[in-house]
């Protein structure tokens, strides 16, 4: 079964702008992140702090900074690069 088949919305966000993909990235759960991507989760969405799911994964140690593109951090710089 897929997330979409069960009516789940991978693009939903909380009041702080975090999406399910932000949470999967924070927990470094690659399996859940892959499921969310397959369900059309937006990898470029920015939360209220200006952080993308990739930025969150880098900050959590799930990916090295700069892998797969630019990871926006809170200061507007890139995570791991000042």
C-alpha atoms as a PDB file:
ATOM      1  CA  UNK A   1       0.000   0.000   0.000  1.00  0.00           C
ATOM      2  CA  UNK A   2       1.129   3.500  -0.669  1.00  0.00           C
ATOM      3  CA  UNK A   3       0.553   6.678   1.248  1.00  0.00           C
ATOM      4  CA  UNK A   4      -1.610   8.099  -1.539  1.00  0.00           C
ATOM      5  CA  UNK A   5      -3.702   4.935  -1.778  1.00  0.00           C
ATOM      6  CA  UNK A   6      -4.629   5.461   1.859  1.00  0.00           C
ATOM      7  CA  UNK A   7      -5.481   9.147   1.345  1.00  0.00           C
ATOM      8  CA  UNK A   8      -2.392  10.607   3.049  1.00  0.00           C
ATOM      9  CA  UNK A   9      -1.180  14.039   1.935  1.00  0.00           C
ATOM     10  CA  UNK A  10       2.635  14.157   1.879  1.00  0.00           C
ATOM     11  CA  UNK A  11       2.525  17.915   1.258  1.00  0.00           C
ATOM     12  CA  UNK A  12       0.621  18.873   4.426  1.00  0.00           C
ATOM     13  CA  UNK A  13       2.390  21.283   6.788  1.00  0.00           C
ATOM     14  CA  UNK A  14       2.099  22.260  10.435  1.00  0.00           C
ATOM     15  CA  UNK A  15       1.778  25.805  11.779  1.00  0.00           C
ATOM     16  CA  UNK A  16       5.593  26.079  11.880  1.00  0.00           C
ATOM     17  CA  UNK A  17       5.808  25.022   8.235  1.00  0.00           C
ATOM     18  CA  UNK A  18       7.291  21.599   8.933  1.00  0.00           C
ATOM     19  CA  UNK A  19       6.096  18.802   6.680  1.00  0.00           C
ATOM     20  CA  UNK A  20       6.294  15.042   7.127  1.00  0.00           C
ATOM     21  CA  UNK A  21       9.472  15.186   5.033  1.00  0.00           C
ATOM     22  CA  UNK A  22      11.025  17.683   7.493  1.00  0.00           C
ATOM     23  CA  UNK A  23      10.304  15.217  10.313  1.00  0.00           C
ATOM     24  CA  UNK A  24      11.697  12.240   8.388  1.00  0.00           C
ATOM     25  CA  UNK A  25      14.806  14.285   7.579  1.00  0.00           C
ATOM     26  CA  UNK A  26      15.273  15.328  11.212  1.00  0.00           C
ATOM     27  CA  UNK A  27      15.140  11.695  12.306  1.00  0.00           C
ATOM     28  CA  UNK A  28      17.431  10.642   9.404  1.00  0.00           C
ATOM     29  CA  UNK A  29      14.848   8.053   8.350  1.00  0.00           C
ATOM     30  CA  UNK A  30      15.734   7.447   4.713  1.00  0.00           C
ATOM     31  CA  UNK A  31      13.002   4.836   4.269  1.00  0.00           C
ATOM     32  CA  UNK A  32      10.212   7.167   5.329  1.00  0.00           C
ATOM     33  CA  UNK A  33      11.759  10.010   3.316  1.00  0.00           C
ATOM     34  CA  UNK A  34      11.727   7.784   0.218  1.00  0.00           C
ATOM     35  CA  UNK A  35       8.065   6.895   0.793  1.00  0.00           C
ATOM     36  CA  UNK A  36       7.209  10.567   1.157  1.00  0.00           C
ATOM     37  CA  UNK A  37       9.118  11.451  -2.017  1.00  0.00           C
ATOM     38  CA  UNK A  38       7.230   8.720  -3.870  1.00  0.00           C
ATOM     39  CA  UNK A  39       4.033  10.354  -2.588  1.00  0.00           C
ATOM     40  CA  UNK A  40       5.089  13.711  -4.134  1.00  0.00           C
ATOM     41  CA  UNK A  41       6.445  15.410  -1.000  1.00  0.00           C
ATOM     42  CA  UNK A  42       8.000  18.790  -1.843  1.00  0.00           C
ATOM     43  CA  UNK A  43      11.752  18.678  -1.196  1.00  0.00           C
ATOM     44  CA  UNK A  44      12.093  22.441  -1.666  1.00  0.00           C
ATOM     45  CA  UNK A  45       9.486  23.556   0.880  1.00  0.00           C
ATOM     46  CA  UNK A  46      10.846  25.976   3.489  1.00  0.00           C
ATOM     47  CA  UNK A  47       9.573  25.987   7.080  1.00  0.00           C
ATOM     48  CA  UNK A  48       9.053  29.090   9.252  1.00  0.00           C
ATOM     49  CA  UNK A  49      12.747  29.046  10.223  1.00  0.00           C
ATOM     50  CA  UNK A  50      13.818  29.022   6.574  1.00  0.00           C
ATOM     51  CA  UNK A  51      14.973  25.396   6.605  1.00  0.00           C
ATOM     52  CA  UNK A  52      14.292  22.836   3.860  1.00  0.00           C
ATOM     53  CA  UNK A  53      14.043  19.097   4.510  1.00  0.00           C
ATOM     54  CA  UNK A  54      17.545  18.691   3.042  1.00  0.00           C
ATOM     55  CA  UNK A  55      18.859  21.388   5.380  1.00  0.00           C
ATOM     56  CA  UNK A  56      17.254  19.605   8.296  1.00  0.00           C
ATOM     57  CA  UNK A  57      18.802  16.273   7.252  1.00  0.00           C
ATOM     58  CA  UNK A  58      22.237  17.876   7.012  1.00  0.00           C
ATOM     59  CA  UNK A  59      21.858  19.530  10.420  1.00  0.00           C
ATOM     60  CA  UNK A  60      20.726  16.209  11.941  1.00  0.00           C
ATOM     61  CA  UNK A  61      23.713  14.419  10.486  1.00  0.00           C
ATOM     62  CA  UNK A  62      21.651  12.433   7.998  1.00  0.00           C
ATOM     63  CA  UNK A  63      23.581  13.737   4.999  1.00  0.00           C
ATOM     64  CA  UNK A  64      26.843  15.582   4.568  1.00  0.00           C
ATOM     65  CA  UNK A  65      26.302  19.270   3.849  1.00  0.00           C
ATOM     66  CA  UNK A  66      26.080  20.078   0.161  1.00  0.00           C
ATOM     67  CA  UNK A  67      25.018  16.602  -0.978  1.00  0.00           C
ATOM     68  CA  UNK A  68      22.269  16.876  -3.546  1.00  0.00           C
ATOM     69  CA  UNK A  69      22.233  20.650  -3.723  1.00  0.00           C
ATOM     70  CA  UNK A  70      22.193  23.604  -1.418  1.00  0.00           C
ATOM     71  CA  UNK A  71      20.712  23.133   2.008  1.00  0.00           C
ATOM     72  CA  UNK A  72      19.318  26.373   3.315  1.00  0.00           C
ATOM     73  CA  UNK A  73      20.015  27.082   6.956  1.00  0.00           C
ATOM     74  CA  UNK A  74      18.367  29.488   9.389  1.00  0.00           C
ATOM     75  CA  UNK A  75      20.799  32.324   8.674  1.00  0.00           C
ATOM     76  CA  UNK A  76      20.235  32.056   4.951  1.00  0.00           C
ATOM     77  CA  UNK A  77      23.668  30.514   4.467  1.00  0.00           C
ATOM     78  CA  UNK A  78      24.172  26.894   3.667  1.00  0.00           C
ATOM     79  CA  UNK A  79      24.255  24.285   6.380  1.00  0.00           C
ATOM     80  CA  UNK A  80      27.817  23.406   7.219  1.00  0.00           C
ATOM     81  CA  UNK A  81      29.179  26.378   5.308  1.00  0.00           C
ATOM     82  CA  UNK A  82      28.690  29.239   7.765  1.00  0.00           C
END
